């Protein structure tokens, strides 16, 4: 599914606290925040596909019809859920450790956000409904690359690059956790069970490069922390590339002592 798939206007009103006229009758049992929190719990445990308005209503002890008095539908509810969890990854003010450490912190906080809420990977954000927490995270992320001589567009592209990298890299970690949970075996257990058969079938002479690299990797390739190690390796290389952009920006402004 994708953000803004319902009524973006209604989602935005709910996100930014634009209230309708007070309703007559008894005070509602829950707030919209209560409903969103319950929905996040379901999605965290069982995935976004397991979240239904009827199931959520049952969890809250409401009728499905009364739940629609809080949110118009699942699409708008997901918009609220996405914004709500982004509050967890708003980074603090930049440190004195330099832009590289600050940008790495942005990446790691985003990585942890996806691990806590893997259903985020199932929500496309090509048309995001911009709520206060999504904007707050974006604003805080941008602070990691301010005062580097980058243009506004370059700053945005760097944050987009980091976010897209995390989005792709974290899938492996999410899949490892899901496979372990659903099969009852972690990666080392699975590999130890099937490695003897693979060794008997594998002809290293046909795949010499794969054989050489595989032998060097050994059990590390299937260790529980393999996705994290791959993430950190890729993040370091990504930051190396950003460093070149920063150096070019410094030359562009003549801040490195060279003449333009």
C-alpha atoms as a PDB file:
ATOM      1  CA  UNK A   1       0.000   0.000   0.000  1.00  0.00           C
ATOM      2  CA  UNK A   2       1.073   3.615  -0.224  1.00  0.00           C
ATOM      3  CA  UNK A   3       0.810   6.780   1.840  1.00  0.00           C
ATOM      4  CA  UNK A   4      -1.975   9.136   0.878  1.00  0.00           C
ATOM      5  CA  UNK A   5      -3.996   6.264  -0.534  1.00  0.00           C
ATOM      6  CA  UNK A   6      -7.178   7.432   1.143  1.00  0.00           C
ATOM      7  CA  UNK A   7      -8.313  11.015   1.595  1.00  0.00           C
ATOM      8  CA  UNK A   8      -5.062  13.007   2.016  1.00  0.00           C
ATOM      9  CA  UNK A   9      -7.021  16.078   3.106  1.00  0.00           C
ATOM     10  CA  UNK A  10      -8.644  14.198   5.980  1.00  0.00           C
ATOM     11  CA  UNK A  11      -5.326  12.582   6.929  1.00  0.00           C
ATOM     12  CA  UNK A  12      -3.649  15.967   7.012  1.00  0.00           C
ATOM     13  CA  UNK A  13      -6.405  17.450   9.144  1.00  0.00           C
ATOM     14  CA  UNK A  14      -6.048  14.633  11.658  1.00  0.00           C
ATOM     15  CA  UNK A  15      -2.247  14.854  11.652  1.00  0.00           C
ATOM     16  CA  UNK A  16      -2.175  18.572  12.254  1.00  0.00           C
ATOM     17  CA  UNK A  17      -5.039  18.655  14.751  1.00  0.00           C
ATOM     18  CA  UNK A  18      -7.650  20.392  12.653  1.00  0.00           C
ATOM     19  CA  UNK A  19     -10.754  19.390  14.578  1.00  0.00           C
ATOM     20  CA  UNK A  20     -14.286  19.055  13.387  1.00  0.00           C
ATOM     21  CA  UNK A  21     -17.076  20.671  15.350  1.00  0.00           C
ATOM     22  CA  UNK A  22     -17.603  18.989  18.732  1.00  0.00           C
ATOM     23  CA  UNK A  23     -19.826  15.955  18.485  1.00  0.00           C
ATOM     24  CA  UNK A  24     -22.973  15.703  20.522  1.00  0.00           C
ATOM     25  CA  UNK A  25     -23.479  12.806  22.844  1.00  0.00           C
ATOM     26  CA  UNK A  26     -21.235  11.048  25.382  1.00  0.00           C
ATOM     27  CA  UNK A  27     -17.510  11.650  25.471  1.00  0.00           C
ATOM     28  CA  UNK A  28     -15.611   9.207  23.213  1.00  0.00           C
ATOM     29  CA  UNK A  29     -13.926   6.327  25.044  1.00  0.00           C
ATOM     30  CA  UNK A  30     -10.683   6.788  23.133  1.00  0.00           C
ATOM     31  CA  UNK A  31      -8.646   9.474  21.428  1.00  0.00           C
ATOM     32  CA  UNK A  32      -7.352   9.219  17.873  1.00  0.00           C
ATOM     33  CA  UNK A  33      -3.891   8.711  19.413  1.00  0.00           C
ATOM     34  CA  UNK A  34      -5.224   5.686  21.320  1.00  0.00           C
ATOM     35  CA  UNK A  35      -6.551   4.197  18.087  1.00  0.00           C
ATOM     36  CA  UNK A  36      -3.268   4.811  16.258  1.00  0.00           C
ATOM     37  CA  UNK A  37      -1.238   3.283  19.103  1.00  0.00           C
ATOM     38  CA  UNK A  38      -3.395   0.128  19.055  1.00  0.00           C
ATOM     39  CA  UNK A  39      -3.045  -0.127  15.261  1.00  0.00           C
ATOM     40  CA  UNK A  40       0.755   0.158  15.501  1.00  0.00           C
ATOM     41  CA  UNK A  41       0.798  -2.664  18.053  1.00  0.00           C
ATOM     42  CA  UNK A  42      -1.060  -4.948  15.665  1.00  0.00           C
ATOM     43  CA  UNK A  43       1.132  -4.028  12.694  1.00  0.00           C
ATOM     44  CA  UNK A  44       4.338  -4.457  14.707  1.00  0.00           C
ATOM     45  CA  UNK A  45       3.287  -7.941  15.765  1.00  0.00           C
ATOM     46  CA  UNK A  46       1.707  -9.285  12.584  1.00  0.00           C
ATOM     47  CA  UNK A  47       2.368  -6.893   9.690  1.00  0.00           C
ATOM     48  CA  UNK A  48       0.307  -4.232   7.976  1.00  0.00           C
ATOM     49  CA  UNK A  49      -1.814  -6.799   6.111  1.00  0.00           C
ATOM     50  CA  UNK A  50      -3.046  -8.163   9.435  1.00  0.00           C
ATOM     51  CA  UNK A  51      -4.423  -4.751  10.373  1.00  0.00           C
ATOM     52  CA  UNK A  52      -8.106  -4.441   9.536  1.00  0.00           C
ATOM     53  CA  UNK A  53     -10.639  -1.921  10.738  1.00  0.00           C
ATOM     54  CA  UNK A  54     -12.872  -4.720  12.014  1.00  0.00           C
ATOM     55  CA  UNK A  55     -10.005  -6.393  13.871  1.00  0.00           C
ATOM     56  CA  UNK A  56      -8.830  -3.101  15.351  1.00  0.00           C
ATOM     57  CA  UNK A  57     -12.347  -2.268  16.492  1.00  0.00           C
ATOM     58  CA  UNK A  58     -12.573  -5.654  18.206  1.00  0.00           C
ATOM     59  CA  UNK A  59      -9.236  -5.071  19.945  1.00  0.00           C
ATOM     60  CA  UNK A  60     -10.502  -1.748  21.293  1.00  0.00           C
ATOM     61  CA  UNK A  61     -13.886  -3.158  22.224  1.00  0.00           C
ATOM     62  CA  UNK A  62     -15.676  -1.024  19.662  1.00  0.00           C
ATOM     63  CA  UNK A  63     -17.994  -1.727  16.785  1.00  0.00           C
ATOM     64  CA  UNK A  64     -16.527  -1.244  13.332  1.00  0.00           C
ATOM     65  CA  UNK A  65     -18.994   1.573  12.732  1.00  0.00           C
ATOM     66  CA  UNK A  66     -17.935   3.474  15.843  1.00  0.00           C
ATOM     67  CA  UNK A  67     -14.251   3.118  14.876  1.00  0.00           C
ATOM     68  CA  UNK A  68     -14.968   5.109  11.720  1.00  0.00           C
ATOM     69  CA  UNK A  69     -15.878   7.982  13.991  1.00  0.00           C
ATOM     70  CA  UNK A  70     -12.190   8.258  14.874  1.00  0.00           C
ATOM     71  CA  UNK A  71     -10.566   7.655  11.476  1.00  0.00           C
ATOM     72  CA  UNK A  72     -12.195   7.505   8.018  1.00  0.00           C
ATOM     73  CA  UNK A  73     -10.533   4.229   6.985  1.00  0.00           C
ATOM     74  CA  UNK A  74      -7.414   2.089   6.962  1.00  0.00           C
ATOM     75  CA  UNK A  75      -5.570   4.249   4.419  1.00  0.00           C
ATOM     76  CA  UNK A  76      -5.895   7.368   6.580  1.00  0.00           C
ATOM     77  CA  UNK A  77      -5.044   5.309   9.672  1.00  0.00           C
ATOM     78  CA  UNK A  78      -1.791   4.169   8.047  1.00  0.00           C
ATOM     79  CA  UNK A  79      -0.909   7.813   7.319  1.00  0.00           C
ATOM     80  CA  UNK A  80      -1.281   8.534  11.029  1.00  0.00           C
ATOM     81  CA  UNK A  81       0.717   5.443  11.994  1.00  0.00           C
ATOM     82  CA  UNK A  82       3.623   6.386   9.720  1.00  0.00           C
ATOM     83  CA  UNK A  83       3.781   9.864  11.180  1.00  0.00           C
ATOM     84  CA  UNK A  84       3.474   8.613  14.752  1.00  0.00           C
ATOM     85  CA  UNK A  85       6.448   6.233  14.598  1.00  0.00           C
ATOM     86  CA  UNK A  86       8.675   8.802  12.884  1.00  0.00           C
ATOM     87  CA  UNK A  87       8.738  10.717  16.161  1.00  0.00           C
ATOM     88  CA  UNK A  88      10.982   7.936  17.500  1.00  0.00           C
ATOM     89  CA  UNK A  89      13.738   8.739  14.988  1.00  0.00           C
ATOM     90  CA  UNK A  90      13.982  12.513  15.341  1.00  0.00           C
ATOM     91  CA  UNK A  91      17.696  13.060  15.840  1.00  0.00           C
ATOM     92  CA  UNK A  92      19.152  15.422  18.413  1.00  0.00           C
ATOM     93  CA  UNK A  93      21.100  18.519  17.504  1.00  0.00           C
ATOM     94  CA  UNK A  94      24.344  17.924  15.569  1.00  0.00           C
ATOM     95  CA  UNK A  95      27.339  17.020  17.690  1.00  0.00           C
ATOM     96  CA  UNK A  96      30.850  18.394  17.557  1.00  0.00           C
ATOM     97  CA  UNK A  97      32.035  15.095  16.053  1.00  0.00           C
ATOM     98  CA  UNK A  98      31.520  16.309  12.487  1.00  0.00           C
ATOM     99  CA  UNK A  99      28.994  15.777   9.723  1.00  0.00           C
ATOM    100  CA  UNK A 100      30.075  12.190   9.079  1.00  0.00           C
ATOM    101  CA  UNK A 101      29.226  11.047  12.607  1.00  0.00           C
ATOM    102  CA  UNK A 102      25.976  13.014  12.526  1.00  0.00           C
ATOM    103  CA  UNK A 103      24.894  11.538   9.205  1.00  0.00           C
ATOM    104  CA  UNK A 104      25.816   8.034  10.371  1.00  0.00           C
ATOM    105  CA  UNK A 105      23.622   8.623  13.426  1.00  0.00           C
ATOM    106  CA  UNK A 106      20.736   9.574  11.133  1.00  0.00           C
ATOM    107  CA  UNK A 107      21.189   6.314   9.213  1.00  0.00           C
ATOM    108  CA  UNK A 108      21.387   4.157  12.344  1.00  0.00           C
ATOM    109  CA  UNK A 109      18.310   5.725  13.910  1.00  0.00           C
ATOM    110  CA  UNK A 110      16.388   5.155  10.701  1.00  0.00           C
ATOM    111  CA  UNK A 111      17.652   1.555  10.598  1.00  0.00           C
ATOM    112  CA  UNK A 112      16.407   0.987  14.153  1.00  0.00           C
ATOM    113  CA  UNK A 113      13.055   2.594  13.280  1.00  0.00           C
ATOM    114  CA  UNK A 114      12.489   0.046  10.499  1.00  0.00           C
ATOM    115  CA  UNK A 115      13.549  -2.842  12.735  1.00  0.00           C
ATOM    116  CA  UNK A 116      11.027  -1.798  15.379  1.00  0.00           C
ATOM    117  CA  UNK A 117       8.305  -1.265  12.786  1.00  0.00           C
ATOM    118  CA  UNK A 118       9.080  -3.510   9.775  1.00  0.00           C
ATOM    119  CA  UNK A 119       5.625  -2.838   8.301  1.00  0.00           C
ATOM    120  CA  UNK A 120       7.023   0.556   7.233  1.00  0.00           C
ATOM    121  CA  UNK A 121       8.738  -1.308   4.398  1.00  0.00           C
ATOM    122  CA  UNK A 122       5.290  -2.175   3.055  1.00  0.00           C
ATOM    123  CA  UNK A 123       4.101   1.443   2.887  1.00  0.00           C
ATOM    124  CA  UNK A 124       5.276   3.296  -0.211  1.00  0.00           C
ATOM    125  CA  UNK A 125       5.969   6.971   0.448  1.00  0.00           C
ATOM    126  CA  UNK A 126       6.125   8.322  -3.092  1.00  0.00           C
ATOM    127  CA  UNK A 127       3.205  10.575  -2.142  1.00  0.00           C
ATOM    128  CA  UNK A 128       3.686  11.052   1.584  1.00  0.00           C
ATOM    129  CA  UNK A 129       1.092  12.850   3.653  1.00  0.00           C
ATOM    130  CA  UNK A 130       3.414  15.179   5.527  1.00  0.00           C
ATOM    131  CA  UNK A 131       2.612  15.202   9.206  1.00  0.00           C
ATOM    132  CA  UNK A 132       4.439  17.016  12.019  1.00  0.00           C
ATOM    133  CA  UNK A 133       6.671  14.081  12.987  1.00  0.00           C
ATOM    134  CA  UNK A 134       7.684  13.227   9.414  1.00  0.00           C
ATOM    135  CA  UNK A 135       8.611  16.891   8.930  1.00  0.00           C
ATOM    136  CA  UNK A 136      10.422  17.002  12.296  1.00  0.00           C
ATOM    137  CA  UNK A 137      12.565  14.003  11.338  1.00  0.00           C
ATOM    138  CA  UNK A 138      13.343  15.473   7.925  1.00  0.00           C
ATOM    139  CA  UNK A 139      14.292  18.801   9.514  1.00  0.00           C
ATOM    140  CA  UNK A 140      16.522  17.090  12.085  1.00  0.00           C
ATOM    141  CA  UNK A 141      18.131  14.893   9.416  1.00  0.00           C
ATOM    142  CA  UNK A 142      18.960  17.933   7.309  1.00  0.00           C
ATOM    143  CA  UNK A 143      20.736  19.480  10.295  1.00  0.00           C
ATOM    144  CA  UNK A 144      23.447  16.826   9.852  1.00  0.00           C
ATOM    145  CA  UNK A 145      24.478  18.333   6.503  1.00  0.00           C
ATOM    146  CA  UNK A 146      24.075  22.055   7.129  1.00  0.00           C
ATOM    147  CA  UNK A 147      26.974  24.493   6.841  1.00  0.00           C
ATOM    148  CA  UNK A 148      28.882  22.182   4.497  1.00  0.00           C
ATOM    149  CA  UNK A 149      28.577  24.392   1.446  1.00  0.00           C
ATOM    150  CA  UNK A 150      25.985  22.117  -0.144  1.00  0.00           C
ATOM    151  CA  UNK A 151      23.084  23.608  -2.045  1.00  0.00           C
ATOM    152  CA  UNK A 152      19.566  23.065  -0.707  1.00  0.00           C
ATOM    153  CA  UNK A 153      18.952  20.499  -3.435  1.00  0.00           C
ATOM    154  CA  UNK A 154      22.182  18.655  -2.600  1.00  0.00           C
ATOM    155  CA  UNK A 155      21.240  18.577   1.086  1.00  0.00           C
ATOM    156  CA  UNK A 156      17.897  17.013   0.232  1.00  0.00           C
ATOM    157  CA  UNK A 157      19.516  14.507  -2.129  1.00  0.00           C
ATOM    158  CA  UNK A 158      22.036  13.417   0.504  1.00  0.00           C
ATOM    159  CA  UNK A 159      19.280  12.727   3.038  1.00  0.00           C
ATOM    160  CA  UNK A 160      17.272  10.927   0.363  1.00  0.00           C
ATOM    161  CA  UNK A 161      20.355   8.857  -0.519  1.00  0.00           C
ATOM    162  CA  UNK A 162      20.858   7.825   3.109  1.00  0.00           C
ATOM    163  CA  UNK A 163      17.170   7.049   3.628  1.00  0.00           C
ATOM    164  CA  UNK A 164      16.961   4.984   0.448  1.00  0.00           C
ATOM    165  CA  UNK A 165      20.103   3.085   1.396  1.00  0.00           C
ATOM    166  CA  UNK A 166      18.718   2.216   4.836  1.00  0.00           C
ATOM    167  CA  UNK A 167      15.383   1.238   3.308  1.00  0.00           C
ATOM    168  CA  UNK A 168      17.096  -1.290   1.046  1.00  0.00           C
ATOM    169  CA  UNK A 169      19.668  -2.565   3.524  1.00  0.00           C
ATOM    170  CA  UNK A 170      17.272  -3.142   6.401  1.00  0.00           C
ATOM    171  CA  UNK A 171      15.177  -5.570   4.358  1.00  0.00           C
ATOM    172  CA  UNK A 172      17.812  -8.268   4.872  1.00  0.00           C
ATOM    173  CA  UNK A 173      17.723  -7.831   8.645  1.00  0.00           C
ATOM    174  CA  UNK A 174      13.923  -7.895   8.685  1.00  0.00           C
ATOM    175  CA  UNK A 175      13.860 -11.036   6.532  1.00  0.00           C
ATOM    176  CA  UNK A 176      16.403 -12.796   8.765  1.00  0.00           C
ATOM    177  CA  UNK A 177      14.292 -12.058  11.831  1.00  0.00           C
ATOM    178  CA  UNK A 178      11.094 -13.160  10.100  1.00  0.00           C
ATOM    179  CA  UNK A 179      12.650 -16.404   8.851  1.00  0.00           C
ATOM    180  CA  UNK A 180      13.983 -17.220  12.327  1.00  0.00           C
ATOM    181  CA  UNK A 181      10.601 -16.511  13.908  1.00  0.00           C
ATOM    182  CA  UNK A 182       8.569 -18.483  11.365  1.00  0.00           C
ATOM    183  CA  UNK A 183      10.866 -21.515  11.121  1.00  0.00           C
ATOM    184  CA  UNK A 184      12.110 -21.658  14.689  1.00  0.00           C
ATOM    185  CA  UNK A 185      15.698 -21.765  13.417  1.00  0.00           C
ATOM    186  CA  UNK A 186      18.210 -18.936  13.253  1.00  0.00           C
ATOM    187  CA  UNK A 187      20.624 -18.666  10.331  1.00  0.00           C
ATOM    188  CA  UNK A 188      23.501 -20.642  11.921  1.00  0.00           C
ATOM    189  CA  UNK A 189      21.111 -23.475  12.865  1.00  0.00           C
ATOM    190  CA  UNK A 190      19.667 -23.599   9.357  1.00  0.00           C
ATOM    191  CA  UNK A 191      23.106 -23.575   7.725  1.00  0.00           C
ATOM    192  CA  UNK A 192      24.544 -26.225  10.042  1.00  0.00           C
ATOM    193  CA  UNK A 193      21.668 -28.497   9.090  1.00  0.00           C
ATOM    194  CA  UNK A 194      22.046 -28.156   5.320  1.00  0.00           C
ATOM    195  CA  UNK A 195      25.765 -27.366   4.924  1.00  0.00           C
ATOM    196  CA  UNK A 196      26.875 -31.038   4.688  1.00  0.00           C
ATOM    197  CA  UNK A 197      24.505 -31.673   1.767  1.00  0.00           C
ATOM    198  CA  UNK A 198      25.587 -28.481   0.009  1.00  0.00           C
ATOM    199  CA  UNK A 199      29.269 -29.366   0.469  1.00  0.00           C
ATOM    200  CA  UNK A 200      28.673 -32.763  -1.101  1.00  0.00           C
ATOM    201  CA  UNK A 201      26.885 -31.243  -4.104  1.00  0.00           C
ATOM    202  CA  UNK A 202      29.052 -28.168  -4.658  1.00  0.00           C
ATOM    203  CA  UNK A 203      31.851 -28.395  -7.225  1.00  0.00           C
ATOM    204  CA  UNK A 204      34.290 -25.593  -6.462  1.00  0.00           C
ATOM    205  CA  UNK A 205      36.106 -26.060  -9.775  1.00  0.00           C
ATOM    206  CA  UNK A 206      33.008 -24.939 -11.661  1.00  0.00           C
ATOM    207  CA  UNK A 207      32.618 -21.809  -9.541  1.00  0.00           C
ATOM    208  CA  UNK A 208      36.202 -20.959  -8.504  1.00  0.00           C
ATOM    209  CA  UNK A 209      35.619 -17.359  -7.461  1.00  0.00           C
ATOM    210  CA  UNK A 210      32.510 -18.193  -5.445  1.00  0.00           C
ATOM    211  CA  UNK A 211      34.369 -21.081  -3.820  1.00  0.00           C
ATOM    212  CA  UNK A 212      37.297 -18.881  -2.817  1.00  0.00           C
ATOM    213  CA  UNK A 213      35.148 -16.100  -1.409  1.00  0.00           C
ATOM    214  CA  UNK A 214      32.765 -18.537   0.269  1.00  0.00           C
ATOM    215  CA  UNK A 215      35.636 -20.289   2.011  1.00  0.00           C
ATOM    216  CA  UNK A 216      36.918 -16.954   3.286  1.00  0.00           C
ATOM    217  CA  UNK A 217      33.499 -15.946   4.551  1.00  0.00           C
ATOM    218  CA  UNK A 218      32.784 -19.217   6.279  1.00  0.00           C
ATOM    219  CA  UNK A 219      30.002 -19.137   8.853  1.00  0.00           C
ATOM    220  CA  UNK A 220      30.167 -15.338   9.065  1.00  0.00           C
ATOM    221  CA  UNK A 221      27.947 -15.092   5.983  1.00  0.00           C
ATOM    222  CA  UNK A 222      25.081 -16.731   7.879  1.00  0.00           C
ATOM    223  CA  UNK A 223      25.765 -15.308  11.315  1.00  0.00           C
ATOM    224  CA  UNK A 224      22.860 -13.543  13.045  1.00  0.00           C
ATOM    225  CA  UNK A 225      24.605 -10.179  12.769  1.00  0.00           C
ATOM    226  CA  UNK A 226      25.508 -10.512   9.078  1.00  0.00           C
ATOM    227  CA  UNK A 227      22.900  -7.938   7.939  1.00  0.00           C
ATOM    228  CA  UNK A 228      24.197  -5.431  10.492  1.00  0.00           C
ATOM    229  CA  UNK A 229      27.804  -5.905   9.351  1.00  0.00           C
ATOM    230  CA  UNK A 230      26.768  -5.469   5.727  1.00  0.00           C
ATOM    231  CA  UNK A 231      24.803  -2.358   6.678  1.00  0.00           C
ATOM    232  CA  UNK A 232      27.763  -0.769   8.466  1.00  0.00           C
ATOM    233  CA  UNK A 233      30.108  -1.613   5.580  1.00  0.00           C
ATOM    234  CA  UNK A 234      27.751  -0.048   3.035  1.00  0.00           C
ATOM    235  CA  UNK A 235      27.129   2.972   5.241  1.00  0.00           C
ATOM    236  CA  UNK A 236      30.865   3.667   5.488  1.00  0.00           C
ATOM    237  CA  UNK A 237      31.206   3.492   1.691  1.00  0.00           C
ATOM    238  CA  UNK A 238      28.183   5.757   1.240  1.00  0.00           C
ATOM    239  CA  UNK A 239      29.712   8.324   3.607  1.00  0.00           C
ATOM    240  CA  UNK A 240      32.968   8.120   1.636  1.00  0.00           C
ATOM    241  CA  UNK A 241      30.977   9.188  -1.410  1.00  0.00           C
ATOM    242  CA  UNK A 242      29.295  12.055   0.448  1.00  0.00           C
ATOM    243  CA  UNK A 243      32.748  13.179   1.581  1.00  0.00           C
ATOM    244  CA  UNK A 244      33.704  13.686  -2.077  1.00  0.00           C
ATOM    245  CA  UNK A 245      30.594  15.833  -2.570  1.00  0.00           C
ATOM    246  CA  UNK A 246      31.495  17.902   0.506  1.00  0.00           C
ATOM    247  CA  UNK A 247      35.050  18.352  -0.757  1.00  0.00           C
ATOM    248  CA  UNK A 248      33.740  19.474  -4.139  1.00  0.00           C
ATOM    249  CA  UNK A 249      31.431  21.947  -2.412  1.00  0.00           C
ATOM    250  CA  UNK A 250      34.390  23.343  -0.474  1.00  0.00           C
ATOM    251  CA  UNK A 251      36.352  23.821  -3.693  1.00  0.00           C
ATOM    252  CA  UNK A 252      33.314  25.418  -5.277  1.00  0.00           C
ATOM    253  CA  UNK A 253      33.260  27.994  -2.509  1.00  0.00           C
ATOM    254  CA  UNK A 254      37.039  28.315  -2.412  1.00  0.00           C
ATOM    255  CA  UNK A 255      37.092  27.242   1.216  1.00  0.00           C
ATOM    256  CA  UNK A 256      39.995  24.832   0.710  1.00  0.00           C
ATOM    257  CA  UNK A 257      42.360  27.546  -0.359  1.00  0.00           C
ATOM    258  CA  UNK A 258      42.213  26.791  -4.074  1.00  0.00           C
ATOM    259  CA  UNK A 259      41.274  29.394  -6.619  1.00  0.00           C
ATOM    260  CA  UNK A 260      38.110  28.942  -8.644  1.00  0.00           C
END
